[in-house]
Amino acid sequence: MEQILFFIILVLILLFIPRIIKDPKIGLLFLLFSLPFERIGAIDIFGMTLRVSQVLVIILGAIYVWRFIKKGNISIMNEIKKDPFWMPLFLYILAAFVSIGVAVNLKRAISVFIFISFVIFTYELVIRLFDNKKILEKVEKVLFWTTFGVAIFGIYQFIGDIVGLPNWVTGLRYEYTKIVFGFPRIQSTALEPLYFANFLLIPLGLFSSLFLNRAELKLEKVDKKYLLLLLLIGINIVLSLSRGAFFASAIIIATVIIFTIRKIKWHRLLSYFGIVILAIIISLGAVKLTTTNSKKDNAKTFIKHSTEITDGGSYNQRARGISFGIEAFKSSPIIGIGIGNFGPWRANYPEETPSTGWDIPNNEIVEIAAETGSLGLLAFITFILLLFIRSIKAILKSNGFQRAFTLGLFSVVLGFVVQYQAFSTLYIMHVWVTLGLLVGLQNLIFSENNYPLNE
């Protein structure tokens, strides 16, 4: 299933290559559509997983560089300044590169450095492609339909596993089937439930903002469409059983409401909360229906696991990961132990990769500190803080569709930051694409209002 979908999407992209060369923004829309296809829709080749989104970035990057060279007499510095946060990101990349020099597992350090550089390149590329407000509505439509598709597939996975369909038909990995908890944890097309829920934060924030700002945007005709999608998103996030995503979703919802509270109508807010509550009820009801043992209520198991914050193996594992991450940081506080080297350090540098994979600190801040030291951590935190400040300025200076879009994306980034306190993988494609969309939109807002791009 995975390989077939990969080649179907790839063929469609190749058919559109002439149009993408003429207008790279079409390629950006394809990139947005392909974001959730992380496992299903990917192919394993040469010991690595190749995704359609990665192929698209390579194609778009080549087209952009070719067009840049073809123009001639273009200032590279002006091109760099299209990203107002290039300096802290450059310093972070520099810190990560320097840390390679102290890495014991050099192979992993180089591979992780390449992965991180690739997603940051993607971020820079998205900023430059997302430079016209006319593309906003197309971005909205693409994100709507790709989310709708993977959300429906997620529900199919849940039902299919319950009725006994084999894993190759449902697309679920064995560890997320009903064998573990008595009910499946859906992952849809993603690598695992955590990453699927992480992707769903993007449409959750964006379409929550568009729905709650409907009066200002005059979007009466899409009310039902947005409500349906938000219901599907809610069900999928709940059934992913990702506690980090639960907290992140709460932050996203609160952020959108706080920035919209003056303009929002109470009946609209009640409708929104009604959808949130309905999603929870449907999800818990579906889990309860999976109960086959009279001595065990799956709904109670679900609730216990969802609210088990300071107890249980998952919490203890995360606590140990953070503790070891802090220990690793203390061992080399300036330049770290080497990018990508926490797992090897934790395992005392074995010659081969463990069958269970490398350990992670389960906290991105701790991982950055441990692997790239104070230099990398300071640079990255500076990038995030400046991004937050400029996002709030952009929200306050904009209106209409642009304001709703910026608010939605800003709330998503806040959600990412929250969820990143419970896991640590920095090189996630859809995270950096979201950051690129947000910065590109900021640039549009400030340029239209005659504000300097680096304000």
Protein backbone atom coordinates (compact mmCIF):
# COMPACT_ATOMS: atom_id res chain seq x y z
CA MET A 1 0.00 0.00 0.00
CA GLU A 2 2.78 2.43 0.98
CA GLN A 3 4.76 2.04 -2.25
CA ILE A 4 1.72 2.14 -4.53
CA LEU A 5 0.50 5.47 -3.12
CA PHE A 6 4.04 6.88 -3.29
CA PHE A 7 4.32 6.18 -7.01
CA ILE A 8 0.77 7.43 -7.73
CA ILE A 9 1.49 10.80 -6.10
CA LEU A 10 4.96 10.96 -7.66
CA VAL A 11 3.57 10.36 -11.16
CA LEU A 12 1.02 13.16 -10.64
CA ILE A 13 3.82 15.50 -9.61
CA LEU A 14 5.95 14.58 -12.61
CA LEU A 15 3.01 15.30 -14.92
CA PHE A 16 2.84 18.79 -13.43
CA ILE A 17 6.59 19.48 -13.66
CA PRO A 18 6.24 21.86 -16.67
CA ARG A 19 3.66 23.91 -14.77
CA ILE A 20 5.73 23.83 -11.57
CA ILE A 21 8.76 25.14 -13.48
CA LYS A 22 6.61 27.96 -14.84
CA ASP A 23 5.00 28.68 -11.47
CA PRO A 24 6.78 27.10 -8.43
CA LYS A 25 3.82 28.04 -6.22
CA ILE A 26 1.99 25.06 -7.72
CA GLY A 27 4.80 22.95 -6.31
CA LEU A 28 4.22 24.55 -2.90
CA LEU A 29 0.60 23.41 -3.01
CA PHE A 30 1.70 19.87 -3.89
CA LEU A 31 4.14 20.02 -0.97
CA LEU A 32 1.35 21.01 1.44
CA PHE A 33 -0.85 18.20 0.15
CA SER A 34 1.91 15.61 0.59
CA LEU A 35 2.86 16.56 4.19
CA PRO A 36 0.83 13.90 6.05
CA PHE A 37 2.04 11.05 3.80
CA GLU A 38 4.94 10.13 6.05
CA ARG A 39 4.69 6.32 6.14
CA ILE A 40 1.87 5.42 3.76
CA GLY A 41 2.89 7.26 0.61
CA ALA A 42 6.63 6.74 1.25
CA ILE A 43 9.14 4.15 0.08
CA ASP A 44 12.19 2.59 1.72
CA ILE A 45 15.27 2.90 -0.46
CA PHE A 46 18.99 2.58 0.30
CA GLY A 47 18.29 2.10 4.00
CA MET A 48 16.21 5.28 4.35
CA THR A 49 12.58 6.32 3.93
CA LEU A 50 11.96 8.55 0.93
CA ARG A 51 8.79 10.68 1.08
CA VAL A 52 7.01 12.56 -1.65
CA SER A 53 7.42 15.80 0.30
CA GLN A 54 11.21 15.35 0.25
CA VAL A 55 11.23 14.75 -3.50
CA LEU A 56 9.17 17.91 -3.97
CA VAL A 57 11.55 20.00 -1.87
CA ILE A 58 14.49 18.80 -4.00
CA ILE A 59 12.60 19.65 -7.21
CA LEU A 60 11.44 23.04 -5.94
CA GLY A 61 14.88 23.86 -4.57
CA ALA A 62 16.51 23.10 -7.93
CA ILE A 63 13.91 25.22 -9.76
CA TYR A 64 14.31 28.12 -7.34
CA VAL A 65 18.12 28.10 -7.56
CA TRP A 66 17.97 27.87 -11.36
CA ARG A 67 15.55 30.82 -11.56
CA PHE A 68 17.74 32.77 -9.12
CA ILE A 69 20.88 32.23 -11.21
CA LYS A 70 19.02 32.97 -14.42
CA LYS A 71 17.95 36.43 -13.16
CA GLY A 72 21.55 37.54 -12.67
CA ASN A 73 22.75 40.61 -10.75
CA ILE A 74 20.83 39.52 -7.67
CA SER A 75 22.16 40.39 -4.23
CA ILE A 76 22.63 37.21 -2.20
CA MET A 77 22.37 39.26 0.99
CA ASN A 78 18.98 40.64 -0.03
CA GLU A 79 17.87 37.08 -0.74
CA ILE A 80 19.04 35.97 2.71
CA LYS A 81 17.20 38.84 4.39
CA LYS A 82 13.86 37.55 3.12
CA ASP A 83 14.02 35.50 6.31
CA PRO A 84 14.17 38.01 9.19
CA PHE A 85 15.36 35.23 11.50
CA TRP A 86 18.23 33.98 9.36
CA MET A 87 20.88 35.02 11.89
CA PRO A 88 19.77 32.91 14.91
CA LEU A 89 19.05 29.98 12.58
CA PHE A 90 22.48 30.34 10.99
CA LEU A 91 24.07 30.41 14.45
CA TYR A 92 22.13 27.27 15.42
CA ILE A 93 23.29 25.45 12.27
CA LEU A 94 26.84 26.66 12.97
CA ALA A 95 26.64 25.33 16.54
CA ALA A 96 25.32 22.00 15.25
CA PHE A 97 28.15 21.82 12.71
CA VAL A 98 30.79 22.60 15.34
CA SER A 99 29.32 19.91 17.60
CA ILE A 100 30.09 17.30 14.93
CA GLY A 101 33.73 17.74 15.88
CA VAL A 102 33.12 16.26 19.34
CA ALA A 103 30.63 13.58 18.27
CA VAL A 104 31.75 10.03 19.00
CA ASN A 105 29.23 8.53 16.57
CA LEU A 106 30.29 10.58 13.59
CA LYS A 107 28.02 8.80 11.09
CA ARG A 108 24.86 9.62 13.05
CA ALA A 109 26.02 13.19 13.70
CA ILE A 110 26.50 13.84 9.99
CA SER A 111 23.17 12.21 9.02
CA VAL A 112 21.16 14.15 11.62
CA PHE A 113 22.94 17.38 10.64
CA ILE A 114 21.92 16.75 7.02
CA PHE A 115 18.30 16.04 8.04
CA ILE A 116 18.07 19.25 10.09
CA SER A 117 19.75 21.31 7.38
CA PHE A 118 17.27 19.89 4.85
CA VAL A 119 14.15 20.89 6.83
CA ILE A 120 15.58 24.37 7.50
CA PHE A 121 16.24 24.66 3.77
CA THR A 122 12.59 23.67 3.26
CA TYR A 123 11.53 26.42 5.68
CA GLU A 124 13.59 29.01 3.75
CA LEU A 125 12.14 27.78 0.46
CA VAL A 126 8.53 28.04 1.69
CA ILE A 127 9.13 31.64 2.85
CA ARG A 128 10.21 32.60 -0.65
CA LEU A 129 7.40 30.75 -2.43
CA PHE A 130 4.68 32.02 -0.10
CA ASP A 131 5.05 35.62 -1.24
CA ASN A 132 1.63 36.47 -2.64
CA LYS A 133 -1.64 36.86 -0.73
CA LYS A 134 -3.57 35.39 -3.67
CA ILE A 135 -2.24 31.94 -2.76
CA LEU A 136 -3.84 32.03 0.71
CA GLU A 137 -7.19 30.62 -0.41
CA LYS A 138 -5.46 27.86 -2.40
CA VAL A 139 -3.40 26.92 0.65
CA GLU A 140 -6.61 26.76 2.68
CA LYS A 141 -8.27 24.45 0.15
CA VAL A 142 -5.28 22.12 -0.16
CA LEU A 143 -4.90 21.79 3.62
CA PHE A 144 -8.64 21.19 3.95
CA TRP A 145 -8.77 18.31 1.48
CA THR A 146 -5.53 16.59 2.49
CA THR A 147 -6.63 16.76 6.14
CA PHE A 148 -10.09 15.47 5.25
CA GLY A 149 -8.57 12.52 3.41
CA VAL A 150 -6.14 11.41 6.12
CA ALA A 151 -8.75 11.98 8.87
CA ILE A 152 -11.27 9.73 7.09
CA PHE A 153 -8.52 7.16 6.61
CA GLY A 154 -7.71 7.37 10.34
CA ILE A 155 -11.31 6.53 11.25
CA TYR A 156 -11.24 3.68 8.71
CA GLN A 157 -8.13 2.35 10.47
CA PHE A 158 -9.90 2.35 13.83
CA ILE A 159 -12.98 0.56 12.50
CA GLY A 160 -10.95 -1.81 10.32
CA ASP A 161 -8.75 -2.94 13.20
CA ILE A 162 -11.76 -3.48 15.45
CA VAL A 163 -13.54 -5.70 12.93
CA GLY A 164 -10.36 -7.72 12.40
CA LEU A 165 -8.92 -6.51 9.10
CA PRO A 166 -5.22 -7.41 8.71
CA ASN A 167 -2.56 -4.74 9.27
CA TRP A 168 -1.59 -4.60 5.60
CA VAL A 169 -5.17 -3.54 4.84
CA THR A 170 -5.58 -1.00 7.67
CA GLY A 171 -2.03 0.36 7.45
CA LEU A 172 -1.61 0.17 11.24
CA ARG A 173 1.69 -0.91 12.71
CA TYR A 174 1.38 -3.89 15.04
CA GLU A 175 2.17 -1.91 18.21
CA TYR A 176 -0.79 0.41 17.61
CA THR A 177 -3.44 -2.25 17.05
CA LYS A 178 -6.04 -3.39 19.60
CA ILE A 179 -3.58 -6.04 20.82
CA VAL A 180 -1.94 -3.51 23.18
CA PHE A 181 -4.75 -1.57 24.87
CA GLY A 182 -7.79 -3.46 23.61
CA PHE A 183 -8.49 -0.64 21.14
CA PRO A 184 -6.36 0.76 18.28
CA ARG A 185 -4.40 4.01 18.34
CA ILE A 186 -4.79 5.50 14.88
CA GLN A 187 -1.77 6.77 12.98
CA SER A 188 -3.39 7.22 9.53
CA THR A 189 -0.63 7.83 6.96
CA ALA A 190 1.96 8.95 9.54
CA LEU A 191 4.82 7.02 11.09
CA GLU A 192 3.09 6.79 14.46
CA PRO A 193 0.11 8.32 16.34
CA LEU A 194 2.23 11.06 17.93
CA TYR A 195 3.36 12.39 14.55
CA PHE A 196 -0.13 12.11 13.07
CA ALA A 197 -1.60 14.11 15.94
CA ASN A 198 1.25 16.59 15.57
CA PHE A 199 0.32 17.16 11.91
CA LEU A 200 -3.37 17.58 12.80
CA LEU A 201 -2.46 20.57 14.99
CA ILE A 202 -1.94 22.54 11.75
CA PRO A 203 -5.52 22.28 10.40
CA LEU A 204 -6.88 22.45 13.96
CA GLY A 205 -5.36 25.90 14.50
CA LEU A 206 -5.98 27.21 11.00
CA PHE A 207 -9.62 26.14 10.63
CA SER A 208 -10.46 27.04 14.23
CA SER A 209 -9.28 30.57 13.48
CA LEU A 210 -11.13 30.74 10.16
CA PHE A 211 -14.34 29.44 11.73
CA LEU A 212 -14.28 31.72 14.78
CA ASN A 213 -13.44 34.74 12.60
CA ARG A 214 -16.21 33.89 10.13
CA ALA A 215 -18.20 37.10 10.73
CA GLU A 216 -15.27 39.26 9.69
CA LEU A 217 -14.38 37.04 6.75
CA LYS A 218 -17.95 36.64 5.47
CA LEU A 219 -17.57 32.89 5.08
CA GLU A 220 -21.15 31.84 5.83
CA LYS A 221 -21.16 29.17 3.10
CA VAL A 222 -18.26 27.21 4.59
CA ASP A 223 -19.54 26.97 8.19
CA LYS A 224 -20.72 23.37 7.84
CA LYS A 225 -17.59 22.37 5.95
CA TYR A 226 -15.30 23.73 8.67
CA LEU A 227 -17.40 22.23 11.47
CA LEU A 228 -17.28 18.81 9.82
CA LEU A 229 -13.51 18.97 9.39
CA LEU A 230 -12.97 20.18 12.98
CA LEU A 231 -15.10 17.28 14.20
CA LEU A 232 -13.00 14.79 12.20
CA ILE A 233 -9.77 16.40 13.43
CA GLY A 234 -10.98 16.21 17.03
CA ILE A 235 -11.93 12.54 16.76
CA ASN A 236 -8.58 11.65 15.19
CA ILE A 237 -6.54 13.56 17.78
CA VAL A 238 -8.43 11.90 20.64
CA LEU A 239 -8.09 8.41 19.13
CA SER A 240 -4.36 8.95 18.58
CA LEU A 241 -4.06 8.89 22.38
CA SER A 242 -1.23 11.42 22.31
CA ARG A 243 -1.26 13.34 25.58
CA GLY A 244 1.17 15.91 24.24
CA ALA A 245 -1.25 16.60 21.39
CA PHE A 246 -4.11 16.95 23.91
CA PHE A 247 -2.24 19.71 25.76
CA ALA A 248 -1.14 21.32 22.49
CA SER A 249 -4.74 21.31 21.21
CA ALA A 250 -5.91 23.06 24.38
CA ILE A 251 -3.23 25.74 23.90
CA ILE A 252 -4.21 26.24 20.26
CA ILE A 253 -7.91 26.58 21.08
CA ALA A 254 -7.22 28.98 23.96
CA THR A 255 -4.89 31.13 21.83
CA VAL A 256 -7.38 31.49 18.98
CA ILE A 257 -10.22 32.37 21.37
CA ILE A 258 -8.14 34.92 23.31
CA PHE A 259 -7.18 36.81 20.14
CA THR A 260 -10.74 36.61 18.77
CA ILE A 261 -12.82 37.14 21.91
CA ARG A 262 -13.73 40.77 21.15
CA LYS A 263 -15.23 39.96 17.75
CA ILE A 264 -16.64 36.49 18.27
CA LYS A 265 -20.36 35.89 18.63
CA TRP A 266 -21.44 33.70 21.53
CA HIS A 267 -23.55 31.34 19.44
CA ARG A 268 -20.49 30.70 17.24
CA LEU A 269 -18.30 30.03 20.26
CA LEU A 270 -20.93 27.63 21.64
CA SER A 271 -21.07 25.83 18.28
CA TYR A 272 -17.30 25.50 18.35
CA PHE A 273 -17.21 24.08 21.87
CA GLY A 274 -20.11 21.83 20.94
CA ILE A 275 -17.97 20.30 18.17
CA VAL A 276 -15.05 19.82 20.58
CA ILE A 277 -17.27 18.08 23.13
CA LEU A 278 -18.98 16.00 20.44
CA ALA A 279 -15.59 14.80 19.16
CA ILE A 280 -14.63 13.65 22.66
CA ILE A 281 -17.99 11.92 23.22
CA ILE A 282 -17.87 10.10 19.86
CA SER A 283 -14.27 9.00 20.46
CA LEU A 284 -14.91 7.70 23.98
CA GLY A 285 -18.10 6.03 22.80
CA ALA A 286 -16.21 4.29 20.00
CA VAL A 287 -13.55 3.10 22.44
CA LYS A 288 -16.20 1.82 24.86
CA LEU A 289 -17.83 -0.19 22.08
CA THR A 290 -14.55 -2.05 21.61
CA THR A 291 -14.87 -3.57 25.09
CA THR A 292 -15.16 -7.36 24.79
CA ASN A 293 -14.16 -8.34 28.32
CA SER A 294 -16.76 -7.71 31.05
CA LYS A 295 -13.94 -7.24 33.57
CA LYS A 296 -12.23 -4.50 31.57
CA ASP A 297 -13.81 -1.27 30.32
CA ASN A 298 -11.71 0.08 27.44
CA ALA A 299 -13.13 3.57 27.93
CA LYS A 300 -11.80 3.63 31.51
CA THR A 301 -8.43 2.36 30.28
CA PHE A 302 -8.40 5.13 27.66
CA ILE A 303 -9.25 7.85 30.20
CA LYS A 304 -6.69 6.53 32.68
CA HIS A 305 -3.93 6.53 30.08
CA SER A 306 -4.94 10.00 28.86
CA THR A 307 -4.90 11.56 32.34
CA GLU A 308 -1.96 9.59 33.75
CA ILE A 309 0.45 12.51 33.79
CA THR A 310 2.85 11.75 36.64
CA ASP A 311 2.44 7.98 36.88
CA GLY A 312 3.04 5.02 34.60
CA GLY A 313 5.83 3.77 32.36
CA SER A 314 5.45 6.50 29.76
CA TYR A 315 5.96 9.28 32.32
CA ASN A 316 8.88 7.48 33.95
CA GLN A 317 10.51 6.94 30.57
CA ARG A 318 10.21 10.65 29.73
CA ALA A 319 11.46 11.68 33.16
CA ARG A 320 14.51 9.45 32.78
CA GLY A 321 15.14 10.78 29.28
CA ILE A 322 15.11 14.38 30.49
CA SER A 323 17.34 13.50 33.45
CA PHE A 324 19.91 11.82 31.18
CA GLY A 325 19.66 14.73 28.74
CA ILE A 326 20.55 17.20 31.49
CA GLU A 327 23.42 14.95 32.52
CA ALA A 328 24.69 14.89 28.94
CA PHE A 329 24.47 18.70 28.78
CA LYS A 330 26.47 19.06 31.99
CA SER A 331 29.19 16.85 30.54
CA SER A 332 29.73 19.34 27.69
CA PRO A 333 27.78 22.55 28.37
CA ILE A 334 29.29 24.77 25.67
CA ILE A 335 29.22 22.78 22.41
CA GLY A 336 27.33 19.68 23.53
CA ILE A 337 28.07 16.00 22.95
CA GLY A 338 27.42 16.18 19.22
CA ILE A 339 24.34 16.62 17.06
CA GLY A 340 22.30 13.39 16.97
CA ASN A 341 24.52 11.77 19.58
CA PHE A 342 22.25 11.61 22.64
CA GLY A 343 21.07 8.10 21.73
CA PRO A 344 24.59 6.72 21.18
CA TRP A 345 25.81 8.51 24.35
CA ARG A 346 22.94 7.01 26.33
CA ALA A 347 23.75 3.51 25.03
CA ASN A 348 27.49 3.97 25.73
CA TYR A 349 28.29 4.19 22.02
CA PRO A 350 27.59 0.69 20.68
CA GLU A 351 29.06 -0.27 17.31
CA GLU A 352 25.65 -0.97 15.78
CA THR A 353 22.29 0.78 16.06
CA PRO A 354 20.12 -0.98 18.70
CA SER A 355 17.20 -2.99 17.31
CA THR A 356 14.82 -0.73 19.26
CA GLY A 357 16.41 2.42 17.82
CA TRP A 358 18.21 5.21 19.61
CA ASP A 359 16.87 6.68 22.86
CA ILE A 360 15.72 10.30 22.86
CA PRO A 361 15.32 12.74 25.79
CA ASN A 362 11.60 13.23 24.95
CA ASN A 363 12.07 16.97 25.36
CA GLU A 364 13.32 19.07 22.44
CA ILE A 365 14.87 21.82 24.55
CA VAL A 366 16.84 19.25 26.54
CA GLU A 367 17.92 17.47 23.35
CA ILE A 368 19.17 20.68 21.73
CA ALA A 369 21.05 21.60 24.93
CA ALA A 370 22.60 18.14 25.27
CA GLU A 371 23.67 17.80 21.63
CA THR A 372 24.65 21.37 20.65
CA GLY A 373 25.32 22.90 24.07
CA SER A 374 24.59 26.41 25.27
CA LEU A 375 25.52 27.88 21.88
CA GLY A 376 22.91 25.89 19.97
CA LEU A 377 20.25 26.26 22.66
CA LEU A 378 20.63 30.05 22.92
CA ALA A 379 20.47 30.47 19.14
CA PHE A 380 17.37 28.30 18.80
CA ILE A 381 15.49 29.90 21.70
CA THR A 382 16.30 33.34 20.24
CA PHE A 383 14.77 32.22 16.93
CA ILE A 384 11.56 31.05 18.64
CA LEU A 385 11.20 34.18 20.80
CA LEU A 386 11.71 36.55 17.85
CA LEU A 387 9.22 34.51 15.82
CA PHE A 388 6.61 34.84 18.59
CA ILE A 389 7.13 38.60 18.94
CA ARG A 390 6.86 39.23 15.21
CA SER A 391 3.82 36.95 14.93
CA ILE A 392 1.92 38.94 17.56
CA LYS A 393 2.86 42.20 15.79
CA ALA A 394 1.60 40.76 12.51
CA ILE A 395 -1.71 39.68 14.07
CA LEU A 396 -2.25 43.15 15.55
CA LYS A 397 -1.37 44.94 12.29
CA SER A 398 -3.45 42.76 9.94
CA ASN A 399 -7.13 42.13 9.34
CA GLY A 400 -9.51 39.87 7.48
CA PHE A 401 -8.28 36.64 5.92
CA GLN A 402 -4.61 37.44 6.55
CA ARG A 403 -5.20 38.05 10.24
CA ALA A 404 -7.22 34.85 10.68
CA PHE A 405 -4.56 32.86 8.80
CA THR A 406 -1.69 34.37 10.81
CA LEU A 407 -3.49 33.75 14.09
CA GLY A 408 -4.19 30.16 13.11
CA LEU A 409 -0.56 29.45 12.18
CA PHE A 410 0.76 31.25 15.27
CA SER A 411 -1.47 29.15 17.52
CA VAL A 412 -0.17 26.01 15.77
CA VAL A 413 3.46 26.96 16.45
CA LEU A 414 2.56 27.51 20.11
CA GLY A 415 1.01 24.04 20.07
CA PHE A 416 4.18 22.59 18.56
CA VAL A 417 6.26 24.15 21.33
CA VAL A 418 3.99 22.60 23.95
CA GLN A 419 4.04 19.14 22.38
CA TYR A 420 7.80 19.34 21.95
CA GLN A 421 8.08 19.24 25.75
CA ALA A 422 7.04 15.58 25.53
CA PHE A 423 9.05 14.37 22.51
CA SER A 424 12.15 15.32 20.59
CA THR A 425 12.63 15.07 16.85
CA LEU A 426 13.50 18.44 15.34
CA TYR A 427 13.64 17.46 11.68
CA ILE A 428 9.88 17.02 11.09
CA MET A 429 8.93 18.34 7.66
CA HIS A 430 5.44 19.67 8.40
CA VAL A 431 6.70 21.63 11.43
CA TRP A 432 9.20 23.59 9.34
CA VAL A 433 6.74 24.08 6.47
CA THR A 434 4.34 25.65 8.99
CA LEU A 435 7.10 27.94 10.26
CA GLY A 436 7.86 28.94 6.67
CA LEU A 437 4.20 29.72 5.97
CA LEU A 438 3.99 31.85 9.11
CA VAL A 439 7.12 33.88 8.32
CA GLY A 440 6.12 34.29 4.67
CA LEU A 441 2.72 35.60 5.75
CA GLN A 442 4.38 37.98 8.22
CA ASN A 443 6.48 39.37 5.38
CA LEU A 444 3.34 39.96 3.29
CA ILE A 445 1.59 41.76 6.14
CA PHE A 446 4.50 44.02 7.02
CA SER A 447 5.34 44.85 3.40
CA GLU A 448 1.71 45.81 2.72
CA ASN A 449 1.66 48.00 5.80
CA ASN A 450 5.06 49.53 4.93
CA TYR A 451 6.79 47.98 7.91
CA PRO A 452 10.36 46.77 7.56
CA LEU A 453 10.59 43.01 7.08
CA ASN A 454 12.92 42.59 10.02
CA GLU A 455 10.81 44.58 12.48
